[in-house]
Structures are given as structure tokens and as C-alpha cells.
N, C-alpha and C. Protein backbone atom coordinates (compact mmCIF):
# COMPACT_ATOMS: atom_id res chain seq x y z
N MET A 1 -34.30 23.33 -72.53
CA MET A 1 -32.75 23.21 -71.89
C MET A 1 -33.00 23.48 -70.28
N LEU A 2 -31.80 22.64 -69.76
CA LEU A 2 -32.00 22.61 -68.10
C LEU A 2 -31.32 23.45 -67.93
N THR A 3 -31.46 24.74 -67.00
CA THR A 3 -30.70 25.75 -66.32
C THR A 3 -30.28 26.01 -64.95
N LYS A 4 -31.00 24.64 -64.13
CA LYS A 4 -30.55 24.50 -63.15
C LYS A 4 -31.16 23.59 -62.25
N VAL A 5 -30.60 22.37 -61.39
CA VAL A 5 -31.20 21.50 -60.66
C VAL A 5 -30.77 21.66 -59.10
N GLU A 6 -32.29 21.83 -58.67
CA GLU A 6 -32.00 21.77 -57.04
C GLU A 6 -32.33 20.54 -56.52
N TRP A 7 -31.12 19.79 -56.10
CA TRP A 7 -31.15 18.51 -55.71
C TRP A 7 -31.40 18.45 -54.01
N SER A 8 -32.80 18.62 -53.87
CA SER A 8 -32.93 18.74 -52.03
C SER A 8 -33.80 18.01 -51.86
N ASN A 9 -33.92 17.47 -50.28
CA ASN A 9 -34.95 16.56 -49.42
C ASN A 9 -35.96 17.26 -49.65
N PRO A 10 -37.33 17.19 -49.76
CA PRO A 10 -37.96 15.90 -49.90
C PRO A 10 -37.96 15.98 -51.77
N HIS A 11 -38.03 16.58 -52.45
CA HIS A 11 -38.10 16.47 -54.00
C HIS A 11 -37.08 17.33 -54.67
N VAL A 12 -36.67 16.74 -55.88
CA VAL A 12 -35.92 17.76 -56.98
C VAL A 12 -36.51 18.34 -57.55
N PHE A 13 -36.41 19.63 -58.08
CA PHE A 13 -36.83 20.86 -58.77
C PHE A 13 -35.83 20.81 -59.70
N LEU A 14 -36.64 20.84 -61.35
CA LEU A 14 -35.71 20.87 -62.34
C LEU A 14 -36.42 22.69 -63.00
N HIS A 15 -35.18 23.38 -63.52
CA HIS A 15 -35.62 24.61 -63.77
C HIS A 15 -35.17 24.31 -65.52
N ALA A 16 -35.96 25.04 -66.13
CA ALA A 16 -35.88 24.68 -67.76
C ALA A 16 -36.26 25.78 -68.61
N GLU A 17 -35.79 26.53 -69.79
CA GLU A 17 -36.30 27.42 -70.38
C GLU A 17 -36.50 26.73 -71.87
N ALA A 18 -37.37 27.41 -72.41
CA ALA A 18 -38.11 26.92 -73.75
C ALA A 18 -38.04 28.13 -74.76
N THR A 19 -37.73 28.03 -75.89
CA THR A 19 -37.87 29.47 -76.72
C THR A 19 -38.68 29.39 -77.96
N GLY A 20 -39.38 29.98 -77.97
CA GLY A 20 -41.20 29.95 -78.52
C GLY A 20 -41.10 30.84 -79.74
N ASP A 21 -42.23 30.81 -80.22
CA ASP A 21 -42.26 31.64 -81.59
C ASP A 21 -41.51 33.07 -81.26
N GLY A 22 -41.17 33.54 -82.26
CA GLY A 22 -40.60 34.97 -82.10
C GLY A 22 -39.57 35.24 -80.81
N GLY A 23 -38.79 33.88 -80.82
CA GLY A 23 -37.45 33.98 -79.85
C GLY A 23 -37.78 34.33 -78.06
N ARG A 24 -39.32 34.41 -77.86
CA ARG A 24 -39.85 34.51 -76.56
C ARG A 24 -39.34 33.34 -75.65
N VAL A 25 -38.60 33.74 -74.21
CA VAL A 25 -37.80 32.38 -73.49
C VAL A 25 -38.91 32.17 -72.70
N THR A 26 -39.32 31.19 -72.11
CA THR A 26 -40.16 30.64 -70.96
C THR A 26 -39.69 29.96 -70.10
N THR A 27 -39.66 30.13 -68.82
CA THR A 27 -38.95 29.21 -67.74
C THR A 27 -39.90 29.08 -67.19
N TYR A 28 -39.44 27.23 -66.82
CA TYR A 28 -40.21 26.37 -65.91
C TYR A 28 -39.58 25.82 -64.81
N LEU A 29 -40.79 25.59 -63.60
CA LEU A 29 -40.04 24.98 -62.57
C LEU A 29 -40.91 23.41 -62.51
N ILE A 30 -39.98 22.53 -62.42
CA ILE A 30 -40.47 21.21 -62.55
C ILE A 30 -40.25 20.53 -61.56
N GLU A 31 -41.50 19.74 -60.71
CA GLU A 31 -41.00 19.49 -59.53
C GLU A 31 -40.93 17.65 -59.85
N THR A 32 -40.09 16.76 -59.36
CA THR A 32 -40.04 15.27 -59.39
C THR A 32 -40.43 15.03 -58.27
N GLN A 33 -40.09 13.48 -58.25
CA GLN A 33 -40.26 12.75 -56.99
C GLN A 33 -39.23 13.10 -55.87
N ALA A 34 -39.32 12.19 -55.00
CA ALA A 34 -38.43 12.41 -53.43
C ALA A 34 -36.97 11.84 -54.35
N THR A 35 -36.19 12.60 -53.71
CA THR A 35 -34.88 12.30 -53.75
C THR A 35 -34.54 10.72 -53.58
N GLY A 36 -35.18 10.05 -52.59
CA GLY A 36 -34.80 8.55 -52.32
C GLY A 36 -35.78 7.89 -53.05
N PHE A 37 -36.76 7.86 -53.82
CA PHE A 37 -36.99 7.62 -55.03
C PHE A 37 -36.37 7.53 -56.16
N LEU A 38 -35.58 8.50 -56.53
CA LEU A 38 -35.03 8.69 -57.85
C LEU A 38 -33.44 8.08 -57.59
N ARG A 39 -33.13 7.94 -56.37
CA ARG A 39 -31.97 7.07 -56.14
C ARG A 39 -32.18 6.02 -56.51
N ARG A 40 -33.32 5.12 -55.42
CA ARG A 40 -33.67 3.75 -56.11
C ARG A 40 -33.90 3.37 -57.60
N ALA A 41 -34.33 4.41 -58.26
CA ALA A 41 -34.43 4.28 -59.63
C ALA A 41 -33.36 4.24 -60.43
N GLY A 42 -32.13 4.83 -59.77
CA GLY A 42 -30.67 4.63 -60.46
C GLY A 42 -30.82 6.21 -61.03
N ILE A 43 -31.01 7.01 -60.44
CA ILE A 43 -31.17 8.69 -60.72
C ILE A 43 -30.15 9.20 -59.77
N SER A 44 -29.21 10.15 -60.27
CA SER A 44 -28.96 11.03 -59.33
C SER A 44 -28.83 12.65 -60.03
N LYS A 45 -27.87 13.29 -58.76
CA LYS A 45 -27.71 14.54 -59.41
C LYS A 45 -26.84 14.80 -60.92
N ASN A 46 -25.92 13.67 -61.37
CA ASN A 46 -25.20 13.60 -62.19
C ASN A 46 -25.64 13.16 -63.10
N SER A 47 -27.11 12.50 -63.20
CA SER A 47 -27.80 12.30 -64.17
C SER A 47 -28.35 13.36 -65.33
N PHE A 48 -28.19 14.41 -64.34
CA PHE A 48 -28.81 15.96 -65.32
C PHE A 48 -27.24 16.82 -65.43
N THR A 49 -27.27 17.27 -66.94
CA THR A 49 -26.18 18.49 -67.23
C THR A 49 -27.00 19.56 -67.31
N ILE A 50 -26.53 20.72 -66.78
CA ILE A 50 -26.91 21.88 -66.89
C ILE A 50 -26.64 22.59 -68.38
N GLY A 51 -27.88 23.18 -69.18
CA GLY A 51 -27.47 23.32 -70.42
C GLY A 51 -28.05 22.55 -71.61
N GLU A 52 -28.16 21.26 -71.15
CA GLU A 52 -28.46 20.12 -72.21
C GLU A 52 -30.00 20.34 -72.46
N MET A 53 -29.76 19.95 -73.88
CA MET A 53 -31.43 20.00 -74.70
C MET A 53 -32.36 18.91 -74.35
N VAL A 54 -33.12 19.01 -73.36
CA VAL A 54 -34.29 17.82 -73.12
C VAL A 54 -35.61 17.97 -73.32
N THR A 55 -36.09 16.73 -73.81
CA THR A 55 -37.97 16.74 -73.90
C THR A 55 -38.27 16.52 -72.58
N ILE A 56 -39.56 17.45 -72.16
CA ILE A 56 -40.00 17.17 -70.92
C ILE A 56 -41.66 17.14 -70.74
N ARG A 57 -42.44 16.12 -70.57
CA ARG A 57 -43.27 15.85 -70.03
C ARG A 57 -43.85 16.32 -68.72
N ALA A 58 -44.66 17.23 -68.44
CA ALA A 58 -44.99 17.19 -67.14
C ALA A 58 -46.67 17.91 -66.92
N TRP A 59 -47.13 17.79 -65.82
CA TRP A 59 -48.66 18.35 -65.15
C TRP A 59 -48.43 19.71 -64.90
N ARG A 60 -49.13 20.68 -65.20
CA ARG A 60 -49.22 22.01 -64.35
C ARG A 60 -49.82 21.69 -63.21
N ALA A 61 -49.16 22.39 -62.75
CA ALA A 61 -49.88 22.30 -60.85
C ALA A 61 -51.39 23.23 -60.81
N LYS A 62 -52.67 22.71 -60.05
CA LYS A 62 -53.43 23.39 -60.25
C LYS A 62 -52.92 24.70 -59.36
N HIS A 63 -52.34 24.82 -58.42
CA HIS A 63 -52.64 26.04 -57.55
C HIS A 63 -51.59 27.07 -58.24
N ASP A 64 -50.29 26.73 -58.86
CA ASP A 64 -49.71 27.56 -59.41
C ASP A 64 -49.07 27.11 -60.91
N LYS A 65 -49.57 28.17 -61.37
CA LYS A 65 -49.55 28.20 -62.83
C LYS A 65 -48.20 28.34 -63.30
N ASP A 66 -47.08 28.81 -62.74
CA ASP A 66 -45.54 28.04 -62.98
C ASP A 66 -44.97 27.21 -62.11
N LEU A 67 -45.86 26.24 -61.92
CA LEU A 67 -45.08 24.71 -61.42
C LEU A 67 -45.93 23.38 -62.27
N PHE A 68 -44.93 22.85 -62.22
CA PHE A 68 -45.34 21.51 -62.83
C PHE A 68 -44.51 20.07 -62.19
N SER A 69 -45.52 19.14 -62.47
CA SER A 69 -44.65 17.67 -61.99
C SER A 69 -44.60 17.16 -63.06
N LEU A 70 -43.33 16.70 -62.96
CA LEU A 70 -42.41 15.70 -63.89
C LEU A 70 -43.28 14.70 -64.22
N HIS A 71 -43.43 14.26 -65.39
CA HIS A 71 -44.04 12.96 -65.81
C HIS A 71 -42.78 11.81 -66.10
N ASP A 72 -42.49 12.71 -67.31
CA ASP A 72 -41.05 12.25 -67.94
C ASP A 72 -39.87 13.20 -68.68
N ILE A 73 -38.84 12.88 -68.84
CA ILE A 73 -37.64 13.80 -69.73
C ILE A 73 -36.93 12.69 -70.47
N VAL A 74 -36.51 13.47 -71.79
CA VAL A 74 -35.69 12.63 -72.86
C VAL A 74 -34.76 13.71 -73.06
N PHE A 75 -33.51 12.85 -73.17
CA PHE A 75 -32.38 13.48 -72.93
C PHE A 75 -32.00 13.69 -74.26
N ALA A 76 -31.31 14.11 -74.98
CA ALA A 76 -30.51 14.54 -76.52
C ALA A 76 -30.16 13.21 -76.71
N ASP A 77 -29.25 12.19 -76.11
CA ASP A 77 -28.77 11.16 -76.70
C ASP A 77 -30.22 9.99 -76.18
N GLY A 78 -31.35 10.30 -76.04
CA GLY A 78 -32.35 9.02 -76.40
C GLY A 78 -32.74 8.65 -74.79
N ARG A 79 -31.85 9.01 -73.87
CA ARG A 79 -32.14 8.31 -72.40
C ARG A 79 -33.44 8.88 -71.94
N LYS A 80 -34.23 7.82 -71.30
CA LYS A 80 -35.52 8.58 -71.15
C LYS A 80 -35.53 8.33 -69.60
N ILE A 81 -36.04 9.43 -68.44
CA ILE A 81 -36.17 8.89 -67.31
C ILE A 81 -37.83 9.43 -66.88
N GLU A 82 -38.40 8.17 -66.84
CA GLU A 82 -39.60 8.18 -66.26
C GLU A 82 -40.23 8.35 -64.47
N VAL A 83 -40.79 9.53 -64.41
CA VAL A 83 -41.25 9.54 -62.69
C VAL A 83 -42.40 10.02 -62.34
N SER A 84 -43.40 9.43 -63.21
CA SER A 84 -44.87 9.74 -62.95
C SER A 84 -45.35 9.00 -61.90
N PRO A 85 -46.44 9.18 -61.13
CA PRO A 85 -46.85 9.17 -59.67
C PRO A 85 -47.24 7.67 -60.28
N ASP A 86 -47.42 7.15 -61.09
CA ASP A 86 -47.62 5.37 -61.75
C ASP A 86 -46.52 4.99 -61.75
N PHE A 87 -45.49 5.37 -62.30
CA PHE A 87 -44.44 4.77 -62.39
C PHE A 87 -43.78 4.54 -61.06
N ALA A 88 -43.48 5.42 -60.21
CA ALA A 88 -43.27 5.26 -58.92
C ALA A 88 -44.18 4.37 -57.95
N ALA A 89 -45.31 4.44 -58.22
CA ALA A 89 -46.28 3.28 -57.69
C ALA A 89 -45.66 1.77 -57.83
N LYS A 90 -45.59 1.66 -59.55
CA LYS A 90 -45.25 0.43 -59.90
C LYS A 90 -43.65 -0.27 -59.44
N ARG A 91 -42.71 1.22 -59.31
CA ARG A 91 -41.63 0.95 -59.31
C ARG A 91 -41.03 0.44 -57.48
N ILE A 92 -42.07 0.87 -56.74
CA ILE A 92 -41.50 0.63 -55.34
C ILE A 92 -42.50 -0.51 -55.07
N PHE A 93 -43.74 -0.61 -55.71
CA PHE A 93 -44.53 -2.13 -55.20
C PHE A 93 -44.43 -3.12 -55.87
N GLN A 94 -43.67 -3.28 -56.77
CA GLN A 94 -43.67 -4.30 -57.56
C GLN A 94 -42.98 -5.64 -57.00
């Protein structure tokens, strides 16, 4: 579930919580691409709804076990936003 969106330059940060076995809640901090890239891809801060259930795929940062880099996010209604580095390169350089 999304709990907070920090739309700031240079990158956007998503805060999310997941409930695991036994009801244990884990909090995640997920860094996305730059705000300019997101805008060019048609993504705005209004694309995210606090409290919405989402599926997130991300890579764990090497230097910080609590930080992740977003690959993609799938919303409850089926919308998918992909912001992986490969996607960014394709989107910018096509």
C-alpha cells in the first residue's frame, strides 16, 4: 500500500507498506527516475493515490538495505508504470 509520495527534484520517492506473515508490517522506501523523465512519460504526482494497493517491483540498493530503485508499479485497476533504467533509455533515445 502506498503511504506517501515525495515529488521532489531530482527524484521521486514512494513510501509503501506491506503486511507479511503474522501481520508484521514492513516499510519500504522506493526511489524512481527524475521528475522530468516521469513528466515526459505522462506521470504526475496525481498518478499516485495514498492508501492504494499496488504491486511494486524494485531493486534493493547496494549501499542501503532499506532503499529500493523502482522497476515498475502496477495499480489495482491494472495500470502499469515502468520506470526501469532500460525503459528510461528507450523512452528518451527512441
